[in-house]
Amino acid sequence: MAEQKALKAGVDGVATEMAVDDVLPVVNVPEMGAASAGTAGTAGAVPAPSAGDQGKFLRADKTWASAGASAGVPTGGTTDQVLAKIDGTNYNTQWVDSSGGIASISDSSEFMFLIGGA
């Protein structure tokens, strides 16, 4: 088998052998397509995050989001408050005062479960 060599296109369009320290050219890769409830996304380049987005993740809809905001756990809450759903919408929650009862967590070697409340 003949030796294979990496080639690049010169400014004149003629293919020339690449040197070991040559930088690979940037190829025009289209940006990824966003997914939605009714449409699949498409493969492509990831949109660049902005400064300060180091703690965020890229969602399938092409937006950078904080994990807490997407998980539906609002910040705040005080002692003896619980997280409750506001309505049937996913992740629509708020901190509310506990309506009473005492809850404790018991631990066994196989599972954990919640006991209590009245």
C-alpha atoms as a PDB file:
ATOM      1  CA  MET A   1       0.000   0.000   0.000  1.00  0.00           C
ATOM      2  CA  ALA A   2       1.294   3.441  -0.888  1.00  0.00           C
ATOM      3  CA  GLU A   3       2.052   5.893   1.894  1.00  0.00           C
ATOM      4  CA  GLN A   4      -0.819   8.328   2.483  1.00  0.00           C
ATOM      5  CA  LYS A   5      -0.080  11.994   3.021  1.00  0.00           C
ATOM      6  CA  ALA A   6      -2.267  14.807   4.274  1.00  0.00           C
ATOM      7  CA  LEU A   7      -2.901  17.451   1.625  1.00  0.00           C
ATOM      8  CA  LYS A   8      -4.137  21.016   1.817  1.00  0.00           C
ATOM      9  CA  ALA A   9      -5.358  23.382  -0.845  1.00  0.00           C
ATOM     10  CA  GLY A  10      -2.967  26.227  -1.491  1.00  0.00           C
ATOM     11  CA  VAL A  11      -4.107  29.771  -2.243  1.00  0.00           C
ATOM     12  CA  ASP A  12      -3.825  28.903  -5.911  1.00  0.00           C
ATOM     13  CA  GLY A  13      -6.093  25.881  -5.413  1.00  0.00           C
ATOM     14  CA  VAL A  14      -3.287  23.377  -5.984  1.00  0.00           C
ATOM     15  CA  ALA A  15      -3.041  20.565  -3.421  1.00  0.00           C
ATOM     16  CA  THR A  16       0.214  20.504  -1.488  1.00  0.00           C
ATOM     17  CA  GLU A  17       1.489  18.209   1.247  1.00  0.00           C
ATOM     18  CA  MET A  18       0.881  19.435   4.778  1.00  0.00           C
ATOM     19  CA  ALA A  19       3.807  19.894   7.125  1.00  0.00           C
ATOM     20  CA  VAL A  20       3.611  18.432  10.634  1.00  0.00           C
ATOM     21  CA  ASP A  21       3.207  21.879  12.214  1.00  0.00           C
ATOM     22  CA  ASP A  22       0.557  23.143   9.754  1.00  0.00           C
ATOM     23  CA  VAL A  23      -2.717  24.285  11.290  1.00  0.00           C
ATOM     24  CA  LEU A  24      -5.775  22.511   9.924  1.00  0.00           C
ATOM     25  CA  PRO A  25      -8.149  24.855   8.136  1.00  0.00           C
ATOM     26  CA  VAL A  26     -11.458  25.660   9.772  1.00  0.00           C
ATOM     27  CA  VAL A  27     -14.304  24.099   7.849  1.00  0.00           C
ATOM     28  CA  ASN A  28     -17.614  25.898   7.567  1.00  0.00           C
ATOM     29  CA  VAL A  29     -19.765  23.666   9.792  1.00  0.00           C
ATOM     30  CA  PRO A  30     -23.371  24.822  10.149  1.00  0.00           C
ATOM     31  CA  GLU A  31     -24.616  25.486  13.674  1.00  0.00           C
ATOM     32  CA  MET A  32     -26.686  22.756  15.279  1.00  0.00           C
ATOM     33  CA  GLY A  33     -30.429  22.903  14.751  1.00  0.00           C
ATOM     34  CA  ALA A  34     -32.622  23.242  17.839  1.00  0.00           C
ATOM     35  CA  ALA A  35     -34.983  20.479  18.901  1.00  0.00           C
ATOM     36  CA  SER A  36     -38.550  21.178  19.925  1.00  0.00           C
ATOM     37  CA  ALA A  37     -41.529  19.126  21.068  1.00  0.00           C
ATOM     38  CA  GLY A  38     -42.394  18.330  17.455  1.00  0.00           C
ATOM     39  CA  THR A  39     -39.072  18.597  15.632  1.00  0.00           C
ATOM     40  CA  ALA A  40     -35.779  16.759  16.040  1.00  0.00           C
ATOM     41  CA  GLY A  41     -32.628  18.832  16.220  1.00  0.00           C
ATOM     42  CA  THR A  42     -29.806  18.529  13.718  1.00  0.00           C
ATOM     43  CA  ALA A  43     -26.109  17.877  14.241  1.00  0.00           C
ATOM     44  CA  GLY A  44     -23.750  20.795  13.883  1.00  0.00           C
ATOM     45  CA  ALA A  45     -21.413  23.192  15.611  1.00  0.00           C
ATOM     46  CA  VAL A  46     -22.303  24.154  19.169  1.00  0.00           C
ATOM     47  CA  PRO A  47     -23.177  27.829  19.763  1.00  0.00           C
ATOM     48  CA  ALA A  48     -20.463  29.549  21.781  1.00  0.00           C
ATOM     49  CA  PRO A  49     -21.253  30.257  25.431  1.00  0.00           C
ATOM     50  CA  SER A  50     -20.925  33.803  26.736  1.00  0.00           C
ATOM     51  CA  ALA A  51     -18.543  34.884  29.474  1.00  0.00           C
ATOM     52  CA  GLY A  52     -19.947  33.754  32.812  1.00  0.00           C
ATOM     53  CA  ASP A  53     -21.664  30.667  31.342  1.00  0.00           C
ATOM     54  CA  GLN A  54     -19.050  28.232  32.698  1.00  0.00           C
ATOM     55  CA  GLY A  55     -21.604  26.662  35.079  1.00  0.00           C
ATOM     56  CA  LYS A  56     -24.289  26.209  32.420  1.00  0.00           C
ATOM     57  CA  PHE A  57     -25.142  23.358  30.079  1.00  0.00           C
ATOM     58  CA  LEU A  58     -26.324  23.382  26.479  1.00  0.00           C
ATOM     59  CA  ARG A  59     -29.961  22.371  26.051  1.00  0.00           C
ATOM     60  CA  ALA A  60     -31.364  20.716  22.932  1.00  0.00           C
ATOM     61  CA  ASP A  61     -33.133  23.994  22.067  1.00  0.00           C
ATOM     62  CA  LYS A  62     -29.683  25.646  21.601  1.00  0.00           C
ATOM     63  CA  THR A  63     -29.837  27.704  24.782  1.00  0.00           C
ATOM     64  CA  TRP A  64     -27.347  27.703  27.643  1.00  0.00           C
ATOM     65  CA  ALA A  65     -29.138  27.146  30.968  1.00  0.00           C
ATOM     66  CA  SER A  66     -28.298  26.805  34.647  1.00  0.00           C
ATOM     67  CA  ALA A  67     -29.012  23.377  36.086  1.00  0.00           C
ATOM     68  CA  GLY A  68     -31.111  24.748  38.955  1.00  0.00           C
ATOM     69  CA  ALA A  69     -33.327  26.822  36.689  1.00  0.00           C
ATOM     70  CA  SER A  70     -34.054  23.896  34.399  1.00  0.00           C
ATOM     71  CA  ALA A  71     -34.632  21.420  37.206  1.00  0.00           C
ATOM     72  CA  GLY A  72     -37.441  23.528  38.656  1.00  0.00           C
ATOM     73  CA  VAL A  73     -35.877  24.030  42.080  1.00  0.00           C
ATOM     74  CA  PRO A  74     -36.201  27.722  42.936  1.00  0.00           C
ATOM     75  CA  THR A  75     -33.635  29.381  45.144  1.00  0.00           C
ATOM     76  CA  GLY A  76     -34.621  30.438  48.627  1.00  0.00           C
ATOM     77  CA  GLY A  77     -36.796  28.684  51.113  1.00  0.00           C
ATOM     78  CA  THR A  78     -36.413  28.835  54.871  1.00  0.00           C
ATOM     79  CA  THR A  79     -36.430  26.398  57.764  1.00  0.00           C
ATOM     80  CA  ASP A  80     -39.625  24.304  57.903  1.00  0.00           C
ATOM     81  CA  GLN A  81     -40.637  25.206  54.334  1.00  0.00           C
ATOM     82  CA  VAL A  82     -41.291  22.581  51.667  1.00  0.00           C
ATOM     83  CA  LEU A  83     -41.259  22.720  47.887  1.00  0.00           C
ATOM     84  CA  ALA A  84     -44.786  22.471  46.451  1.00  0.00           C
ATOM     85  CA  LYS A  85     -46.259  22.456  42.946  1.00  0.00           C
ATOM     86  CA  ILE A  86     -48.226  25.571  42.021  1.00  0.00           C
ATOM     87  CA  ASP A  87     -50.256  23.869  39.289  1.00  0.00           C
ATOM     88  CA  GLY A  88     -49.996  21.000  36.802  1.00  0.00           C
ATOM     89  CA  THR A  89     -47.198  22.644  34.802  1.00  0.00           C
ATOM     90  CA  ASN A  90     -43.887  20.795  34.990  1.00  0.00           C
ATOM     91  CA  TYR A  91     -41.323  22.463  37.269  1.00  0.00           C
ATOM     92  CA  ASN A  92     -43.767  25.199  38.358  1.00  0.00           C
ATOM     93  CA  THR A  93     -42.935  25.110  42.074  1.00  0.00           C
ATOM     94  CA  GLN A  94     -42.599  27.422  45.047  1.00  0.00           C
ATOM     95  CA  TRP A  95     -41.496  27.312  48.687  1.00  0.00           C
ATOM     96  CA  VAL A  96     -44.424  27.165  51.163  1.00  0.00           C
ATOM     97  CA  ASP A  97     -44.726  26.815  54.928  1.00  0.00           C
ATOM     98  CA  SER A  98     -45.122  23.216  56.064  1.00  0.00           C
ATOM     99  CA  SER A  99     -48.732  22.387  56.925  1.00  0.00           C
ATOM    100  CA  GLY A 100     -47.721  20.354  59.968  1.00  0.00           C
ATOM    101  CA  GLY A 101     -46.610  16.891  60.847  1.00  0.00           C
ATOM    102  CA  ILE A 102     -43.133  15.678  61.503  1.00  0.00           C
ATOM    103  CA  ALA A 103     -41.179  13.791  58.915  1.00  0.00           C
ATOM    104  CA  SER A 104     -38.057  11.766  59.432  1.00  0.00           C
ATOM    105  CA  ILE A 105     -35.873   9.779  57.103  1.00  0.00           C
ATOM    106  CA  SER A 106     -35.045   6.191  57.912  1.00  0.00           C
ATOM    107  CA  ASP A 107     -32.164   4.454  56.211  1.00  0.00           C
ATOM    108  CA  SER A 108     -31.883   0.731  55.584  1.00  0.00           C
ATOM    109  CA  SER A 109     -29.168  -1.074  53.691  1.00  0.00           C
ATOM    110  CA  GLU A 110     -31.477  -1.539  50.697  1.00  0.00           C
ATOM    111  CA  PHE A 111     -33.459   1.704  50.385  1.00  0.00           C
ATOM    112  CA  MET A 112     -34.436   4.997  51.962  1.00  0.00           C
ATOM    113  CA  PHE A 113     -38.031   6.018  52.622  1.00  0.00           C
ATOM    114  CA  LEU A 114     -39.902   8.918  54.165  1.00  0.00           C
ATOM    115  CA  ILE A 115     -42.054   8.390  57.259  1.00  0.00           C
ATOM    116  CA  GLY A 116     -44.473  10.719  58.977  1.00  0.00           C
ATOM    117  CA  GLY A 117     -46.534  13.777  58.241  1.00  0.00           C
ATOM    118  CA  ALA A 118     -50.197  14.079  59.116  1.00  0.00           C
END
